[in-house]
């Protein structure tokens, strides 16, 4: 019995089977190539969806009219106060005098000789705190100064008092209580039981009735607030008070044209990046070269920019009229001078051209892209179709691989049997040749 293919007959069984199987595998190779193509297209749609979502995020800065209501607030002396403006602000100037800054109420004790030896008050004595209507108590009797400080700071229901010790020298120490919030309403009110209050001798360091900040606006309007951050004195403007002033400091609120220009430039850059993504998938030999979905998306977006808005009061109809124009290669270029000129001549018109909530270019593009990237949208539907085809192709590959394994085994069995048979025939042939070779000798002997 010949155990190794080809040993008996000299046939190269392995090579013969491999060559036959390479022919048999050609349909499988085509299926695997189809699978790779489907996977590449599925990956491309994932990247396309991501690129569209990124572009859509960029539109957030310009797709609503509120996005154009960008103002900047400038203080003529930023050592006195700084300012910021929201979309609710209005252009204009105000003269502001910072009469007084808001302070936190402070209360200080009499001098205590040491902080770790002398006890204050008697056992069971309490100190009661009330800040802005909230109260808590500390059993501080018979404690040293440092123990009392820690007890106040660590009290679980402490509603806003910070305790510290200030040491003038080794024999003169003071307990200082400070409200954690500024303003008259957050002044500290104290009461005591026993002798603790007498031993501490606490008294006001600053006037609890003059802790609010105070502004004089335009020499006429007297504004007091509990904080040095004031956001409700001038509509849409937040003031951060830093120092008192003897005279007026000018506050100027104006449209932040630079921010609008930066947002428009960001839109232009994002669109060009999206166009680059389109081109990377649609060129010759690329993943979505022959896919109509990509062409449809690109054409629909282009269609929005080719369709002027209707019914607007704007003096502009096309983005090119405000310095945003399409180039021959499909990208967008921005002429900052033309944009600034358009903003100066008709700011509301520029805003509506971009962001009118029905006809604005970016409003319409954003709504269009929603239909592409949302769940069960155009791209999801396309991906579902590709995934379905991948499942079918994967199953066909698995089935064909199984059949080819059986086919290869049959071929090996058949050629092994042939090899064995040819080996046996070769042995028989050799035996007969040997027998025939001696016949002439026998004949000669008989003569």
Protein backbone atom coordinates (compact mmCIF):
# COMPACT_ATOMS: atom_id res chain seq x y z
CA UNK A 1 0.00 0.00 0.00
CA UNK A 2 1.50 3.36 -1.06
CA UNK A 3 1.04 5.86 1.77
CA UNK A 4 2.59 8.99 0.25
CA UNK A 5 0.98 10.53 -2.90
CA UNK A 6 3.29 10.20 -5.86
CA UNK A 7 5.69 7.75 -4.26
CA UNK A 8 4.43 4.77 -6.22
CA UNK A 9 3.88 6.36 -9.62
CA UNK A 10 5.94 9.51 -9.57
CA UNK A 11 2.79 11.68 -9.93
CA UNK A 12 2.97 15.12 -8.19
CA UNK A 13 -0.48 14.70 -6.67
CA UNK A 14 -0.31 17.80 -4.42
CA UNK A 15 0.67 20.07 -7.31
CA UNK A 16 -2.03 18.60 -9.58
CA UNK A 17 -4.74 19.10 -6.93
CA UNK A 18 -3.59 22.64 -6.11
CA UNK A 19 -3.75 23.66 -9.78
CA UNK A 20 -7.17 22.13 -10.25
CA UNK A 21 -8.42 23.84 -7.07
CA UNK A 22 -7.08 27.19 -8.20
CA UNK A 23 -9.47 26.90 -11.16
CA UNK A 24 -12.28 25.71 -8.90
CA UNK A 25 -11.69 28.72 -6.54
CA UNK A 26 -12.12 31.41 -9.20
CA UNK A 27 -15.83 31.97 -8.41
CA UNK A 28 -14.91 32.18 -4.70
CA UNK A 29 -12.20 34.75 -5.45
CA UNK A 30 -14.78 36.87 -7.27
CA UNK A 31 -17.12 36.65 -4.26
CA UNK A 32 -14.33 37.68 -1.88
CA UNK A 33 -13.48 40.59 -4.16
CA UNK A 34 -17.16 41.60 -4.13
CA UNK A 35 -17.16 41.41 -0.32
CA UNK A 36 -14.10 43.65 -0.08
CA UNK A 37 -15.77 46.15 -2.39
CA UNK A 38 -18.95 46.16 -0.28
CA UNK A 39 -16.92 46.64 2.92
CA UNK A 40 -15.01 49.52 1.33
CA UNK A 41 -18.27 51.20 0.30
CA UNK A 42 -19.77 50.66 3.75
CA UNK A 43 -16.69 52.24 5.34
CA UNK A 44 -16.90 55.15 2.90
CA UNK A 45 -20.53 55.81 3.84
CA UNK A 46 -19.55 55.80 7.51
CA UNK A 47 -16.87 58.42 6.84
CA UNK A 48 -19.27 60.40 4.66
CA UNK A 49 -21.87 60.45 7.44
CA UNK A 50 -19.23 61.61 9.91
CA UNK A 51 -18.08 64.38 7.52
CA UNK A 52 -21.67 65.57 7.02
CA UNK A 53 -22.28 65.61 10.79
CA UNK A 54 -19.07 67.58 11.35
CA UNK A 55 -20.12 70.08 8.71
CA UNK A 56 -23.55 70.33 10.30
CA UNK A 57 -21.97 71.08 13.67
CA UNK A 58 -20.10 73.99 12.11
CA UNK A 59 -23.41 75.39 10.88
CA UNK A 60 -24.54 75.81 14.50
CA UNK A 61 -22.57 79.06 14.65
CA UNK A 62 -24.52 80.61 11.76
CA UNK A 63 -27.74 78.73 11.06
CA UNK A 64 -29.91 80.74 13.49
CA UNK A 65 -30.55 84.47 13.59
CA UNK A 66 -29.46 84.53 17.25
CA UNK A 67 -26.01 83.43 16.10
CA UNK A 68 -25.64 86.80 14.36
CA UNK A 69 -26.63 88.74 17.45
CA UNK A 70 -23.02 88.80 18.64
CA UNK A 71 -21.90 91.83 20.60
CA UNK A 72 -18.71 92.83 22.33
CA UNK A 73 -18.50 94.98 25.44
CA UNK A 74 -15.39 97.04 26.05
CA UNK A 75 -14.36 98.92 29.19
CA UNK A 76 -12.19 101.99 28.76
CA UNK A 77 -10.40 101.00 32.00
CA UNK A 78 -10.21 97.25 32.53
CA UNK A 79 -8.53 97.71 35.88
CA UNK A 80 -11.88 99.09 37.10
CA UNK A 81 -14.20 96.56 35.45
CA UNK A 82 -14.42 94.21 32.53
CA UNK A 83 -17.58 93.41 30.58
CA UNK A 84 -19.10 90.80 28.29
CA UNK A 85 -22.23 91.02 26.15
CA UNK A 86 -24.84 88.44 25.18
CA UNK A 87 -27.22 88.33 22.22
CA UNK A 88 -29.70 90.38 24.26
CA UNK A 89 -27.42 93.41 24.36
CA UNK A 90 -27.86 96.56 22.30
CA UNK A 91 -25.21 98.79 20.80
CA UNK A 92 -24.44 101.95 22.74
CA UNK A 93 -22.27 103.52 25.45
CA UNK A 94 -22.68 104.08 29.18
CA UNK A 95 -20.66 105.99 31.76
CA UNK A 96 -20.07 103.89 34.85
CA UNK A 97 -18.59 104.89 38.19
CA UNK A 98 -17.70 102.05 40.56
CA UNK A 99 -18.61 103.67 43.88
CA UNK A 100 -18.06 100.61 46.05
CA UNK A 101 -17.07 96.98 45.59
CA UNK A 102 -19.06 94.21 47.23
CA UNK A 103 -17.40 92.75 50.31
CA UNK A 104 -17.83 89.73 52.52
CA UNK A 105 -18.78 90.53 56.11
CA UNK A 106 -15.94 90.02 58.62
CA UNK A 107 -16.09 89.70 62.38
CA UNK A 108 -12.99 89.63 64.63
CA UNK A 109 -12.36 88.61 68.24
CA UNK A 110 -10.36 90.32 70.92
CA UNK A 111 -6.69 89.32 71.29
CA UNK A 112 -6.17 85.84 72.68
CA UNK A 113 -2.83 85.05 74.28
CA UNK A 114 -2.37 81.61 72.70
CA UNK A 115 -4.23 79.31 70.35
CA UNK A 116 -3.64 75.88 71.89
CA UNK A 117 -3.70 76.33 75.67
CA UNK A 118 -6.29 78.88 76.76
CA UNK A 119 -9.90 77.65 76.70
CA UNK A 120 -12.77 79.97 75.96
CA UNK A 121 -16.16 79.90 77.68
CA UNK A 122 -17.47 77.00 79.66
CA UNK A 123 -18.51 73.47 78.86
CA UNK A 124 -21.80 73.46 76.94
CA UNK A 125 -21.51 77.06 75.72
CA UNK A 126 -22.66 77.56 72.11
CA UNK A 127 -22.11 80.08 69.35
CA UNK A 128 -25.05 80.50 66.97
CA UNK A 129 -24.63 81.76 63.40
CA UNK A 130 -27.25 83.11 61.00
CA UNK A 131 -26.37 84.00 57.39
CA UNK A 132 -29.04 85.04 54.88
CA UNK A 133 -31.76 83.29 56.87
CA UNK A 134 -29.84 80.05 57.39
CA UNK A 135 -28.65 79.11 60.87
CA UNK A 136 -26.32 76.62 62.54
CA UNK A 137 -24.73 76.23 65.95
CA UNK A 138 -21.36 75.11 67.28
CA UNK A 139 -20.77 73.82 70.81
CA UNK A 140 -17.55 75.73 71.26
CA UNK A 141 -17.38 76.15 75.04
CA UNK A 142 -14.16 75.05 76.76
CA UNK A 143 -12.33 74.89 73.43
CA UNK A 144 -9.02 76.50 72.54
CA UNK A 145 -8.92 79.07 69.73
CA UNK A 146 -7.63 76.54 67.20
CA UNK A 147 -10.23 73.96 68.28
CA UNK A 148 -13.02 76.50 67.92
CA UNK A 149 -11.79 77.49 64.45
CA UNK A 150 -11.81 73.86 63.34
CA UNK A 151 -15.22 73.17 64.87
CA UNK A 152 -16.75 76.08 62.96
CA UNK A 153 -15.17 75.12 59.63
CA UNK A 154 -16.05 71.44 60.03
CA UNK A 155 -19.64 71.91 61.18
CA UNK A 156 -21.74 69.76 58.81
CA UNK A 157 -24.52 72.35 58.62
CA UNK A 158 -22.22 75.35 58.22
CA UNK A 159 -24.24 77.65 55.94
CA UNK A 160 -21.49 79.97 54.82
CA UNK A 161 -19.00 81.07 57.48
CA UNK A 162 -15.24 80.60 57.23
CA UNK A 163 -13.10 80.82 60.38
CA UNK A 164 -9.39 81.63 60.47
CA UNK A 165 -6.80 82.77 62.99
CA UNK A 166 -4.64 85.84 62.45
CA UNK A 167 -1.53 86.12 64.64
CA UNK A 168 0.03 89.52 65.25
CA UNK A 169 2.77 87.94 67.33
CA UNK A 170 3.36 84.94 69.58
CA UNK A 171 1.08 86.33 72.31
CA UNK A 172 -1.65 88.01 70.28
CA UNK A 173 -4.04 85.97 68.17
CA UNK A 174 -7.47 86.76 66.72
CA UNK A 175 -10.34 84.63 65.50
CA UNK A 176 -11.74 86.11 62.28
CA UNK A 177 -15.10 84.98 60.88
CA UNK A 178 -15.80 85.73 57.22
CA UNK A 179 -19.00 85.25 55.27
CA UNK A 180 -18.40 83.04 52.23
CA UNK A 181 -20.66 85.27 50.12
CA UNK A 182 -20.51 89.02 49.59
CA UNK A 183 -23.29 91.55 50.16
CA UNK A 184 -25.48 92.93 52.94
CA UNK A 185 -27.82 89.94 52.83
CA UNK A 186 -24.94 87.62 53.69
CA UNK A 187 -23.81 89.48 56.80
CA UNK A 188 -23.08 87.23 59.80
CA UNK A 189 -25.43 87.46 62.79
CA UNK A 190 -24.17 85.94 66.07
CA UNK A 191 -25.62 84.92 69.42
CA UNK A 192 -24.08 83.03 72.35
CA UNK A 193 -24.89 81.03 75.41
CA UNK A 194 -22.74 81.13 78.52
CA UNK A 195 -19.52 83.13 78.67
CA UNK A 196 -18.16 82.14 75.25
CA UNK A 197 -19.30 85.38 73.61
CA UNK A 198 -17.72 87.52 76.32
CA UNK A 199 -14.39 85.70 76.07
CA UNK A 200 -14.28 86.09 72.30
CA UNK A 201 -15.44 89.72 72.26
CA UNK A 202 -16.37 89.50 68.56
CA UNK A 203 -17.07 92.77 66.72
CA UNK A 204 -17.57 93.90 63.12
CA UNK A 205 -14.46 94.49 61.06
CA UNK A 206 -16.46 96.08 58.24
CA UNK A 207 -19.92 97.63 58.17
CA UNK A 208 -22.56 94.90 57.67
CA UNK A 209 -24.87 97.49 56.11
CA UNK A 210 -22.39 98.55 53.41
CA UNK A 211 -21.33 95.27 51.86
CA UNK A 212 -23.16 95.57 48.56
CA UNK A 213 -21.42 96.81 45.42
CA UNK A 214 -22.60 100.20 44.19
CA UNK A 215 -22.58 101.65 40.68
CA UNK A 216 -23.59 105.00 39.30
CA UNK A 217 -24.62 104.58 35.66
CA UNK A 218 -24.69 107.65 33.43
CA UNK A 219 -24.49 109.82 36.56
CA UNK A 220 -28.13 109.07 37.30
CA UNK A 221 -28.92 105.44 38.03
CA UNK A 222 -27.79 104.15 41.42
CA UNK A 223 -27.33 100.37 41.29
CA UNK A 224 -26.52 98.18 44.29
CA UNK A 225 -25.99 94.42 44.16
CA UNK A 226 -24.65 91.77 46.53
CA UNK A 227 -21.93 90.64 44.12
CA UNK A 228 -19.13 92.17 42.07
CA UNK A 229 -20.46 90.30 39.05
CA UNK A 230 -23.54 92.13 37.84
CA UNK A 231 -25.58 90.80 34.94
CA UNK A 232 -28.92 92.52 35.46
CA UNK A 233 -28.13 96.22 35.50
CA UNK A 234 -27.67 96.75 31.74
CA UNK A 235 -29.65 94.36 29.52
CA UNK A 236 -27.44 91.71 27.94
CA UNK A 237 -24.25 92.97 29.64
CA UNK A 238 -22.31 91.33 32.48
CA UNK A 239 -20.00 93.58 34.49
CA UNK A 240 -17.12 92.20 36.53
CA UNK A 241 -16.15 94.89 39.06
CA UNK A 242 -12.48 95.05 40.01
CA UNK A 243 -11.76 98.43 41.65
CA UNK A 244 -13.50 101.56 42.87
CA UNK A 245 -13.21 104.66 40.67
CA UNK A 246 -13.33 108.37 41.38
CA UNK A 247 -14.90 109.16 38.03
CA UNK A 248 -16.62 107.58 35.08
CA UNK A 249 -15.34 104.70 33.01
CA UNK A 250 -16.89 104.28 29.58
CA UNK A 251 -18.60 101.05 28.58
CA UNK A 252 -18.96 100.58 24.81
CA UNK A 253 -21.21 97.84 23.37
CA UNK A 254 -20.93 97.18 19.64
CA UNK A 255 -21.59 94.40 17.16
CA UNK A 256 -18.76 91.87 17.12
CA UNK A 257 -18.16 91.92 13.37
CA UNK A 258 -14.93 89.95 13.74
CA UNK A 259 -16.77 87.06 15.38
CA UNK A 260 -19.32 86.99 12.55
CA UNK A 261 -16.51 86.99 9.98
CA UNK A 262 -14.76 84.15 11.84
CA UNK A 263 -17.99 82.13 11.85
CA UNK A 264 -18.46 82.67 8.11
CA UNK A 265 -14.84 81.66 7.49
CA UNK A 266 -15.41 78.52 9.59
CA UNK A 267 -18.42 77.69 7.42
CA UNK A 268 -16.36 78.17 4.26
CA UNK A 269 -13.53 76.01 5.60
CA UNK A 270 -15.96 73.29 6.71
CA UNK A 271 -17.72 73.25 3.34
CA UNK A 272 -14.41 72.94 1.51
CA UNK A 273 -13.41 70.08 3.80
CA UNK A 274 -16.72 68.38 3.02
CA UNK A 275 -16.12 68.88 -0.71
CA UNK A 276 -12.70 67.26 -0.28
CA UNK A 277 -14.42 64.27 1.32
CA UNK A 278 -16.86 64.03 -1.60
CA UNK A 279 -13.97 64.09 -4.07
CA UNK A 280 -12.01 61.47 -2.16
CA UNK A 281 -14.83 58.97 -2.61
CA UNK A 282 -16.11 59.81 -6.07
CA UNK A 283 -12.92 59.85 -8.17
CA UNK A 284 -11.97 57.12 -10.60
CA UNK A 285 -11.29 53.86 -8.81
CA UNK A 286 -12.57 55.23 -5.48
CA UNK A 287 -15.00 53.45 -3.14
CA UNK A 288 -18.15 55.30 -4.27
CA UNK A 289 -17.14 55.98 -7.86
CA UNK A 290 -20.35 54.59 -9.34
CA UNK A 291 -22.65 55.16 -6.37
CA UNK A 292 -25.62 57.38 -7.14
CA UNK A 293 -26.23 58.18 -3.43
CA UNK A 294 -23.07 60.25 -3.13
CA UNK A 295 -23.85 62.16 -6.32
CA UNK A 296 -27.40 62.75 -5.12
CA UNK A 297 -26.22 64.17 -1.77
CA UNK A 298 -23.70 66.48 -3.41
CA UNK A 299 -26.20 67.64 -6.04
CA UNK A 300 -28.90 68.35 -3.46
CA UNK A 301 -26.54 70.44 -1.32
CA UNK A 302 -25.40 72.34 -4.39
CA UNK A 303 -29.05 72.81 -5.32
CA UNK A 304 -29.73 74.67 -2.07
CA UNK A 305 -26.98 77.19 -2.78
CA UNK A 306 -28.24 77.61 -6.34
CA UNK A 307 -31.77 78.44 -5.13
CA UNK A 308 -32.16 81.99 -3.77
CA UNK A 309 -34.47 82.56 -0.79
CA UNK A 310 -37.89 84.03 -1.40
CA UNK A 311 -39.95 86.48 0.62
CA UNK A 312 -37.06 87.99 2.59
CA UNK A 313 -36.63 91.67 3.33
CA UNK A 314 -32.91 91.31 2.73
CA UNK A 315 -31.26 93.37 0.01
CA UNK A 316 -29.24 90.25 -0.90
CA UNK A 317 -30.31 87.09 -2.73
CA UNK A 318 -27.09 85.12 -3.27
CA UNK A 319 -24.12 84.43 -1.04
CA UNK A 320 -21.83 85.73 -3.76
CA UNK A 321 -23.30 89.20 -3.13
CA UNK A 322 -21.82 89.21 0.35
CA UNK A 323 -18.40 87.81 -0.57
CA UNK A 324 -19.06 84.05 -0.37
CA UNK A 325 -18.67 82.58 -3.86
CA UNK A 326 -18.27 79.16 -5.45
CA UNK A 327 -15.12 78.38 -7.43
CA UNK A 328 -14.80 76.26 -10.56
CA UNK A 329 -13.61 73.26 -8.55
CA UNK A 330 -16.75 73.36 -6.39
CA UNK A 331 -15.09 74.87 -3.33
CA UNK A 332 -16.10 78.19 -1.70
CA UNK A 333 -13.95 81.29 -1.31
CA UNK A 334 -14.54 84.21 1.08
CA UNK A 335 -13.81 87.83 0.27
CA UNK A 336 -13.60 89.39 3.75
CA UNK A 337 -13.76 92.93 2.41
CA UNK A 338 -17.02 92.27 0.56
CA UNK A 339 -18.47 90.51 3.59
CA UNK A 340 -17.59 93.37 5.92
CA UNK A 341 -19.05 95.86 3.46
CA UNK A 342 -22.30 93.86 3.28
CA UNK A 343 -22.51 93.65 7.06
CA UNK A 344 -22.01 97.40 7.32
CA UNK A 345 -24.69 98.17 4.75
CA UNK A 346 -27.38 95.65 5.78
CA UNK A 347 -26.49 93.57 8.81
CA UNK A 348 -30.00 92.12 9.18
CA UNK A 349 -30.01 91.23 5.48
CA UNK A 350 -26.77 89.26 5.83
CA UNK A 351 -28.17 87.47 8.88
CA UNK A 352 -31.39 86.53 7.09
CA UNK A 353 -29.52 85.33 4.00
CA UNK A 354 -27.67 82.83 6.14
CA UNK A 355 -30.09 82.02 8.92
CA UNK A 356 -33.72 82.93 8.19
CA UNK A 357 -35.68 80.12 9.84
CA UNK A 358 -37.26 78.99 6.58
CA UNK A 359 -35.37 80.43 3.63
CA UNK A 360 -31.84 81.01 4.97
CA UNK A 361 -29.19 79.12 3.02
CA UNK A 362 -27.67 77.46 6.06
CA UNK A 363 -31.05 76.76 7.62
CA UNK A 364 -32.07 74.88 4.47
CA UNK A 365 -28.74 73.04 4.17
CA UNK A 366 -28.94 71.99 7.82
CA UNK A 367 -32.46 70.63 7.36
CA UNK A 368 -31.34 68.80 4.21
CA UNK A 369 -28.37 67.16 5.93
CA UNK A 370 -30.65 66.08 8.78
CA UNK A 371 -32.41 63.88 6.26
CA UNK A 372 -29.09 62.35 5.24
CA UNK A 373 -27.57 61.59 8.67
CA UNK A 374 -30.50 61.02 11.01
CA UNK A 375 -31.51 57.53 12.13
CA UNK A 376 -33.21 55.73 9.24
CA UNK A 377 -32.12 58.58 6.97
CA UNK A 378 -30.70 58.26 3.47
CA UNK A 379 -27.24 57.08 4.56
CA UNK A 380 -28.61 54.64 7.13
CA UNK A 381 -30.85 53.16 4.46
CA UNK A 382 -27.91 52.82 2.10
CA UNK A 383 -25.79 51.21 4.82
CA UNK A 384 -28.59 48.78 5.65
CA UNK A 385 -28.67 47.73 2.00
CA UNK A 386 -24.91 47.18 1.92
CA UNK A 387 -24.97 45.23 5.18
CA UNK A 388 -27.71 43.00 3.79
CA UNK A 389 -25.64 42.31 0.67
CA UNK A 390 -22.59 41.64 2.85
CA UNK A 391 -24.56 39.06 4.85
CA UNK A 392 -25.68 37.29 1.68
CA UNK A 393 -22.18 37.41 0.17
CA UNK A 394 -20.62 36.17 3.39
CA UNK A 395 -22.99 33.22 3.48
CA UNK A 396 -22.29 32.40 -0.16
CA UNK A 397 -18.54 32.47 0.57
CA UNK A 398 -18.98 30.16 3.56
CA UNK A 399 -21.09 27.73 1.52
CA UNK A 400 -18.64 27.75 -1.38
CA UNK A 401 -15.63 27.25 0.90
CA UNK A 402 -17.34 24.20 2.39
CA UNK A 403 -18.07 22.77 -1.05
CA UNK A 404 -14.49 23.43 -2.18
CA UNK A 405 -13.12 21.65 0.86
CA UNK A 406 -15.19 18.59 -0.08
CA UNK A 407 -14.11 18.92 -3.71
CA UNK A 408 -10.45 19.14 -2.75
CA UNK A 409 -10.72 16.08 -0.54
CA UNK A 410 -12.39 14.08 -3.35
CA UNK A 411 -9.65 15.07 -5.79
CA UNK A 412 -6.94 14.07 -3.35
CA UNK A 413 -8.67 10.75 -2.70
CA UNK A 414 -9.05 10.09 -6.43
CA UNK A 415 -5.48 10.98 -7.31
CA UNK A 416 -4.15 9.06 -4.34
CA UNK A 417 -6.08 5.99 -5.53
CA UNK A 418 -4.76 6.54 -9.06
CA UNK A 419 -1.25 6.90 -7.68
CA UNK A 420 -1.63 3.64 -5.78
CA UNK A 421 -3.04 1.84 -8.79
CA UNK A 422 -0.30 3.11 -11.05
CA UNK A 423 2.25 1.99 -8.48
CA UNK A 424 0.78 -1.50 -8.45
CA UNK A 425 0.72 -1.63 -12.25
CA UNK A 426 4.32 -0.48 -12.32
CA UNK A 427 5.24 -3.34 -10.01
CA UNK A 428 3.41 -5.86 -12.19
CA UNK A 429 5.09 -4.45 -15.27
CA UNK A 430 8.50 -4.81 -13.69
CA UNK A 431 7.77 -8.44 -12.74
CA UNK A 432 6.63 -9.39 -16.24
CA UNK A 433 9.65 -7.72 -17.75
CA UNK A 434 11.89 -9.78 -15.54
CA UNK A 435 10.11 -12.99 -16.51
CA UNK A 436 10.17 -12.22 -20.19
CA UNK A 437 13.85 -11.42 -20.01
CA UNK A 438 14.75 -15.02 -19.06
CA UNK A 439 12.64 -16.78 -21.73
CA UNK A 440 15.32 -16.76 -24.46
CA UNK A 441 17.76 -18.48 -22.11
CA UNK A 442 15.34 -21.33 -21.41
CA UNK A 443 14.76 -21.82 -25.16
CA UNK A 444 18.49 -22.10 -25.86
CA UNK A 445 18.90 -24.74 -23.17
CA UNK A 446 16.19 -26.92 -24.69
CA UNK A 447 18.13 -26.99 -27.98
